[in-house]
Every structure is written in structure tokens, then in C-alpha cells.
């Protein structure tokens, strides 16, 4: 749901106070827990540490991000790959083939030098 145009964008006042009068180049990471705050044009260039429930993830604000929420760039869930026993077997075969290819390449190199 979008916010009413009459109300304007929601930006945490504490967050605006932290960036007020400072330059993006000299300011270190600004930690924030306000994931719902919209990104304003004044925030472009700053490095924010957006809390994801466990740690602060670094988010460097660019012009393309203006109008989005800070929380959109700090995922809260960690993706654990799909698969199971079959996936592990495929990965093991791939790893073995890479090792065999590396050994073959290594054995070819000294033969060329002779």
C-alpha cells in the first residue's frame, strides 16, 4: 500500500537529523533501525547500516533508490539453497571433475617445458 500524497513520504526525523549538514564522502556508516523510511534525494551518496534483525547491512544510496524504502535493500531472510542428497551428489561430481581437470593441466605443463 502506498502512502497518501497529502501526507507526504515517511522519513524518520532522527535519520534526517543524522545526515543534516554532513557530506556523504566524510561521513562513516550511519546505523539505522528505521527500515520503513523512504529514501530522500538528500540521502544520495550516504552509507547506511540498515538493521535486518541480526546485523546492520551496508547500503550505499544511489539516485535509482530514491522513493524506495531502506528495508528493501537489507534482506531479513538468508537463502539456503535447494536440493538435498541428489544436489550434494551433483556438487561432489562437479568438484571431482574440477580436481581432475586441474591435475591434467598441471601434468601437461611440465611436459611442454622439456
N, C-alpha and C. Protein backbone atom coordinates (compact mmCIF):
# COMPACT_ATOMS: atom_id res chain seq x y z
N UNK A 1 0.84 -1.18 0.00
CA UNK A 1 0.00 0.00 0.00
C UNK A 1 0.88 1.24 0.00
N UNK A 2 0.50 2.19 -0.80
CA UNK A 2 1.26 3.42 -0.86
C UNK A 2 0.74 4.40 0.18
N UNK A 3 1.56 5.32 0.51
CA UNK A 3 1.17 6.35 1.48
C UNK A 3 0.45 7.47 0.75
N UNK A 4 -0.49 8.09 1.42
CA UNK A 4 -1.28 9.16 0.83
C UNK A 4 -0.38 10.33 0.39
N UNK A 5 -0.65 10.88 -0.78
CA UNK A 5 0.15 12.00 -1.27
C UNK A 5 0.01 13.22 -0.37
N UNK A 6 -1.16 13.37 0.23
CA UNK A 6 -1.38 14.52 1.10
C UNK A 6 -0.51 14.44 2.35
N UNK A 7 -0.20 13.23 2.81
CA UNK A 7 0.64 13.07 3.99
C UNK A 7 2.12 13.23 3.66
N UNK A 8 2.50 12.91 2.43
CA UNK A 8 3.91 13.00 2.05
C UNK A 8 4.67 11.74 2.41
N UNK A 9 5.94 11.66 2.02
CA UNK A 9 6.73 10.45 2.30
C UNK A 9 7.09 10.35 3.78
N UNK A 10 7.22 9.10 4.26
CA UNK A 10 7.62 8.88 5.65
C UNK A 10 9.13 8.74 5.72
N UNK A 11 9.77 9.68 6.38
CA UNK A 11 11.20 9.62 6.63
C UNK A 11 11.40 9.88 8.11
N UNK A 12 12.10 8.98 8.77
CA UNK A 12 12.32 9.09 10.21
C UNK A 12 13.05 10.41 10.53
N UNK A 13 12.48 11.24 11.40
CA UNK A 13 13.12 12.53 11.73
C UNK A 13 14.53 12.35 12.31
N UNK A 14 14.75 11.29 13.08
CA UNK A 14 16.08 11.05 13.65
C UNK A 14 17.11 10.78 12.54
N UNK A 15 16.66 10.10 11.50
CA UNK A 15 17.54 9.78 10.38
C UNK A 15 17.92 11.05 9.63
N UNK A 16 16.94 11.94 9.42
CA UNK A 16 17.22 13.21 8.76
C UNK A 16 18.17 14.07 9.59
N UNK A 17 18.01 14.00 10.92
CA UNK A 17 18.87 14.79 11.80
C UNK A 17 20.32 14.29 11.73
N UNK A 18 20.50 12.97 11.54
CA UNK A 18 21.85 12.40 11.48
C UNK A 18 22.60 12.83 10.22
N UNK A 19 21.87 13.05 9.11
CA UNK A 19 22.56 13.42 7.86
C UNK A 19 22.55 14.92 7.61
N UNK A 20 21.85 15.67 8.42
CA UNK A 20 21.71 17.12 8.23
C UNK A 20 23.06 17.83 8.36
N UNK A 21 23.42 18.57 7.32
CA UNK A 21 24.65 19.37 7.34
C UNK A 21 25.93 18.57 7.20
N UNK A 22 25.87 17.31 6.82
CA UNK A 22 27.06 16.49 6.68
C UNK A 22 27.25 16.10 5.22
N UNK A 23 28.48 15.79 4.85
CA UNK A 23 28.73 15.37 3.47
C UNK A 23 28.85 13.85 3.41
N UNK A 24 28.45 13.29 2.28
CA UNK A 24 28.44 11.84 2.10
C UNK A 24 29.84 11.25 2.07
N UNK A 25 30.83 12.01 1.61
CA UNK A 25 32.18 11.49 1.48
C UNK A 25 32.88 11.32 2.83
N UNK A 26 32.64 12.22 3.77
CA UNK A 26 33.35 12.18 5.04
C UNK A 26 32.62 11.39 6.11
N UNK A 27 31.35 11.19 5.95
CA UNK A 27 30.54 10.53 6.99
C UNK A 27 30.71 9.01 6.94
N UNK A 28 31.02 8.38 8.10
CA UNK A 28 31.09 6.92 8.12
C UNK A 28 29.67 6.33 8.04
N UNK A 29 29.56 5.03 8.21
CA UNK A 29 28.26 4.36 8.12
C UNK A 29 27.30 4.89 9.20
N UNK A 30 26.09 5.20 8.77
CA UNK A 30 25.06 5.68 9.69
C UNK A 30 24.14 4.52 9.99
N UNK A 31 24.13 4.06 11.24
CA UNK A 31 23.30 2.93 11.62
C UNK A 31 21.85 3.38 11.82
N UNK A 32 20.93 2.55 11.32
CA UNK A 32 19.52 2.86 11.49
C UNK A 32 18.71 1.58 11.64
N UNK A 33 17.65 1.69 12.41
CA UNK A 33 16.70 0.60 12.58
C UNK A 33 15.41 0.91 11.84
N UNK A 34 15.35 2.06 11.20
CA UNK A 34 14.15 2.51 10.51
C UNK A 34 14.12 1.98 9.08
N UNK A 35 13.65 0.74 8.93
CA UNK A 35 13.57 0.11 7.62
C UNK A 35 12.43 0.68 6.79
N UNK A 36 11.44 1.28 7.43
CA UNK A 36 10.26 1.79 6.73
C UNK A 36 10.47 3.19 6.15
N UNK A 37 11.59 3.83 6.47
CA UNK A 37 11.85 5.17 5.96
C UNK A 37 12.09 5.15 4.46
N UNK A 38 11.48 6.11 3.78
CA UNK A 38 11.72 6.24 2.34
C UNK A 38 13.04 6.96 2.12
N UNK A 39 13.66 6.65 0.99
CA UNK A 39 14.94 7.28 0.66
C UNK A 39 14.65 8.60 -0.04
N UNK A 40 15.19 9.68 0.54
CA UNK A 40 15.00 11.02 0.00
C UNK A 40 16.22 11.40 -0.84
N UNK A 41 16.07 12.39 -1.72
CA UNK A 41 17.20 12.83 -2.54
C UNK A 41 18.40 13.33 -1.72
N UNK A 42 18.17 13.81 -0.50
CA UNK A 42 19.27 14.29 0.35
C UNK A 42 20.15 13.14 0.83
N UNK A 43 19.65 11.92 0.77
CA UNK A 43 20.38 10.76 1.28
C UNK A 43 21.33 10.15 0.25
N UNK A 44 21.29 10.61 -0.99
CA UNK A 44 22.11 10.02 -2.05
C UNK A 44 23.59 10.17 -1.73
N UNK A 45 24.32 9.05 -1.81
CA UNK A 45 25.75 9.04 -1.56
C UNK A 45 26.12 8.57 -0.16
N UNK A 46 25.19 8.62 0.78
CA UNK A 46 25.48 8.20 2.14
C UNK A 46 25.51 6.69 2.26
N UNK A 47 26.24 6.20 3.25
CA UNK A 47 26.31 4.78 3.54
C UNK A 47 25.51 4.53 4.81
N UNK A 48 24.46 3.72 4.68
CA UNK A 48 23.59 3.42 5.82
C UNK A 48 23.81 1.98 6.25
N UNK A 49 23.74 1.75 7.55
CA UNK A 49 23.75 0.40 8.10
C UNK A 49 22.31 0.08 8.48
N UNK A 50 21.62 -0.66 7.63
CA UNK A 50 20.20 -0.95 7.84
C UNK A 50 20.09 -2.27 8.59
N UNK A 51 19.38 -2.26 9.70
CA UNK A 51 19.26 -3.44 10.56
C UNK A 51 18.32 -4.46 9.93
N UNK A 52 18.77 -5.72 9.88
CA UNK A 52 17.93 -6.76 9.28
C UNK A 52 17.39 -7.74 10.31
N UNK A 53 17.53 -7.42 11.58
CA UNK A 53 17.07 -8.31 12.64
C UNK A 53 18.22 -9.00 13.34
N UNK A 54 19.38 -8.99 12.71
CA UNK A 54 20.56 -9.63 13.30
C UNK A 54 21.77 -8.72 13.26
N UNK A 55 22.03 -8.13 12.09
CA UNK A 55 23.18 -7.24 11.94
C UNK A 55 22.78 -6.03 11.10
N UNK A 56 23.67 -5.07 11.03
CA UNK A 56 23.47 -3.91 10.17
C UNK A 56 24.14 -4.18 8.83
N UNK A 57 23.37 -4.23 7.75
CA UNK A 57 23.92 -4.44 6.42
C UNK A 57 24.19 -3.10 5.77
N UNK A 58 25.34 -2.98 5.12
CA UNK A 58 25.72 -1.72 4.49
C UNK A 58 24.91 -1.50 3.21
N UNK A 59 24.34 -0.29 3.10
CA UNK A 59 23.58 0.09 1.91
C UNK A 59 24.07 1.46 1.48
N UNK A 60 24.71 1.55 0.31
CA UNK A 60 25.12 2.83 -0.24
C UNK A 60 23.99 3.32 -1.13
N UNK A 61 23.45 4.50 -0.84
CA UNK A 61 22.29 5.03 -1.54
C UNK A 61 22.71 5.67 -2.86
N UNK A 62 22.02 5.28 -3.93
CA UNK A 62 22.25 5.86 -5.25
C UNK A 62 20.98 6.57 -5.70
N UNK A 63 21.06 7.26 -6.83
CA UNK A 63 19.90 8.02 -7.34
C UNK A 63 18.74 7.11 -7.70
N UNK A 64 19.05 5.89 -8.13
CA UNK A 64 17.98 4.95 -8.52
C UNK A 64 17.13 4.52 -7.34
N UNK A 65 17.65 4.63 -6.13
CA UNK A 65 16.95 4.16 -4.94
C UNK A 65 15.96 5.16 -4.37
N UNK A 66 15.99 6.39 -4.84
CA UNK A 66 15.11 7.44 -4.29
C UNK A 66 13.65 7.03 -4.46
N UNK A 67 12.89 7.12 -3.38
CA UNK A 67 11.48 6.75 -3.40
C UNK A 67 11.22 5.36 -2.85
N UNK A 68 12.27 4.52 -2.78
CA UNK A 68 12.13 3.18 -2.21
C UNK A 68 12.33 3.24 -0.71
N UNK A 69 12.08 2.14 -0.02
CA UNK A 69 12.29 2.05 1.42
C UNK A 69 13.67 1.49 1.71
N UNK A 70 14.24 1.86 2.84
CA UNK A 70 15.57 1.36 3.21
C UNK A 70 15.55 -0.16 3.41
N UNK A 71 14.47 -0.68 3.92
CA UNK A 71 14.37 -2.11 4.18
C UNK A 71 14.40 -2.98 2.94
N UNK A 72 14.11 -2.41 1.78
CA UNK A 72 14.12 -3.18 0.54
C UNK A 72 15.52 -3.65 0.18
N UNK A 73 16.53 -2.97 0.68
CA UNK A 73 17.91 -3.26 0.31
C UNK A 73 18.66 -4.00 1.41
N UNK A 74 17.95 -4.44 2.43
CA UNK A 74 18.54 -5.20 3.53
C UNK A 74 17.66 -6.42 3.80
N UNK A 75 17.92 -7.53 3.09
CA UNK A 75 17.06 -8.71 3.25
C UNK A 75 17.12 -9.29 4.66
N UNK A 76 15.97 -9.74 5.14
CA UNK A 76 15.89 -10.26 6.51
C UNK A 76 16.02 -11.77 6.56
N UNK A 77 15.89 -12.43 5.42
CA UNK A 77 15.96 -13.89 5.41
C UNK A 77 17.16 -14.34 4.60
N UNK A 78 17.84 -15.35 5.11
CA UNK A 78 19.01 -15.90 4.44
C UNK A 78 18.55 -17.06 3.57
N UNK A 79 18.94 -17.04 2.30
CA UNK A 79 18.54 -18.11 1.39
C UNK A 79 19.46 -19.31 1.60
N UNK A 80 18.87 -20.45 1.90
CA UNK A 80 19.60 -21.70 1.99
C UNK A 80 19.24 -22.47 0.74
N UNK A 81 20.23 -22.87 -0.02
CA UNK A 81 20.00 -23.44 -1.34
C UNK A 81 19.07 -24.65 -1.30
N UNK A 82 18.44 -24.88 -2.41
CA UNK A 82 17.55 -26.01 -2.56
C UNK A 82 18.35 -27.28 -2.81
N UNK A 83 17.68 -28.37 -2.71
CA UNK A 83 18.34 -29.64 -3.01
C UNK A 83 18.45 -30.46 -1.75
N UNK A 84 19.07 -31.55 -1.86
CA UNK A 84 19.25 -32.44 -0.73
C UNK A 84 20.34 -33.41 -1.09
N UNK A 85 20.04 -34.69 -0.95
CA UNK A 85 21.02 -35.73 -1.23
C UNK A 85 21.45 -35.70 -2.70
N UNK A 86 20.49 -35.53 -3.59
CA UNK A 86 20.78 -35.51 -5.02
C UNK A 86 21.66 -34.30 -5.38
N UNK A 87 21.36 -33.16 -4.82
CA UNK A 87 22.13 -31.94 -5.09
C UNK A 87 23.57 -32.10 -4.60
N UNK A 88 23.74 -32.70 -3.43
CA UNK A 88 25.09 -32.91 -2.88
C UNK A 88 25.91 -33.82 -3.78
N UNK A 89 25.25 -34.87 -4.32
CA UNK A 89 25.96 -35.78 -5.22
C UNK A 89 26.41 -35.06 -6.49
N UNK A 90 25.56 -34.22 -7.04
CA UNK A 90 25.93 -33.46 -8.23
C UNK A 90 27.10 -32.52 -7.97
N UNK A 91 27.07 -31.86 -6.81
CA UNK A 91 28.16 -30.95 -6.46
C UNK A 91 29.46 -31.71 -6.25
N UNK A 92 29.38 -32.90 -5.66
CA UNK A 92 30.57 -33.71 -5.43
C UNK A 92 31.20 -34.13 -6.76
N UNK A 93 30.36 -34.55 -7.72
CA UNK A 93 30.86 -34.94 -9.03
C UNK A 93 31.52 -33.76 -9.74
N UNK A 94 30.91 -32.59 -9.61
CA UNK A 94 31.46 -31.39 -10.24
C UNK A 94 32.82 -31.06 -9.65
N UNK A 95 32.93 -31.16 -8.33
CA UNK A 95 34.18 -30.86 -7.64
C UNK A 95 35.27 -31.85 -8.06
N UNK A 96 34.91 -33.13 -8.17
CA UNK A 96 35.87 -34.14 -8.59
C UNK A 96 36.36 -33.90 -10.01
N UNK A 97 35.46 -33.50 -10.90
CA UNK A 97 35.86 -33.22 -12.28
C UNK A 97 36.78 -32.01 -12.36
N UNK A 98 36.54 -31.00 -11.52
CA UNK A 98 37.41 -29.82 -11.48
C UNK A 98 38.81 -30.21 -11.00
N UNK A 99 38.88 -31.06 -10.00
CA UNK A 99 40.17 -31.51 -9.46
C UNK A 99 40.92 -32.31 -10.53
N UNK A 100 40.20 -33.19 -11.24
CA UNK A 100 40.83 -33.99 -12.29
C UNK A 100 41.35 -33.09 -13.42
N UNK A 101 40.58 -32.07 -13.79
CA UNK A 101 41.00 -31.15 -14.83
C UNK A 101 42.23 -30.36 -14.40
N UNK A 102 42.28 -29.97 -13.14
CA UNK A 102 43.43 -29.23 -12.62
C UNK A 102 44.68 -30.09 -12.63
N UNK A 103 44.51 -31.38 -12.25
CA UNK A 103 45.66 -32.29 -12.26
C UNK A 103 46.16 -32.52 -13.67
N UNK A 104 45.22 -32.65 -14.61
CA UNK A 104 45.60 -32.87 -16.00
C UNK A 104 46.35 -31.66 -16.55
N UNK A 105 45.89 -30.47 -16.22
CA UNK A 105 46.55 -29.25 -16.68
C UNK A 105 47.93 -29.12 -16.06
N UNK A 106 48.06 -29.54 -14.82
CA UNK A 106 49.33 -29.46 -14.11
C UNK A 106 50.35 -30.42 -14.71
N UNK A 107 49.88 -31.62 -15.08
CA UNK A 107 50.80 -32.61 -15.65
C UNK A 107 51.21 -32.25 -17.08
N UNK A 108 50.39 -31.53 -17.81
CA UNK A 108 50.71 -31.11 -19.18
C UNK A 108 51.77 -30.01 -19.19
N UNK A 109 51.78 -29.14 -18.23
CA UNK A 109 52.67 -28.01 -18.19
C UNK A 109 54.15 -28.43 -18.14
N UNK A 110 54.57 -29.36 -17.27
CA UNK A 110 55.98 -29.78 -17.27
C UNK A 110 56.39 -30.47 -18.56
N UNK A 111 55.50 -31.18 -19.23
CA UNK A 111 55.83 -31.86 -20.47
C UNK A 111 56.18 -30.86 -21.57
N UNK A 112 55.53 -29.74 -21.59
CA UNK A 112 55.78 -28.71 -22.59
C UNK A 112 57.15 -28.06 -22.40
N UNK A 113 57.60 -27.96 -21.16
CA UNK A 113 58.87 -27.30 -20.85
C UNK A 113 60.05 -28.13 -21.34
N UNK A 114 59.93 -29.45 -21.45
CA UNK A 114 61.05 -30.31 -21.87
C UNK A 114 61.34 -30.19 -23.28
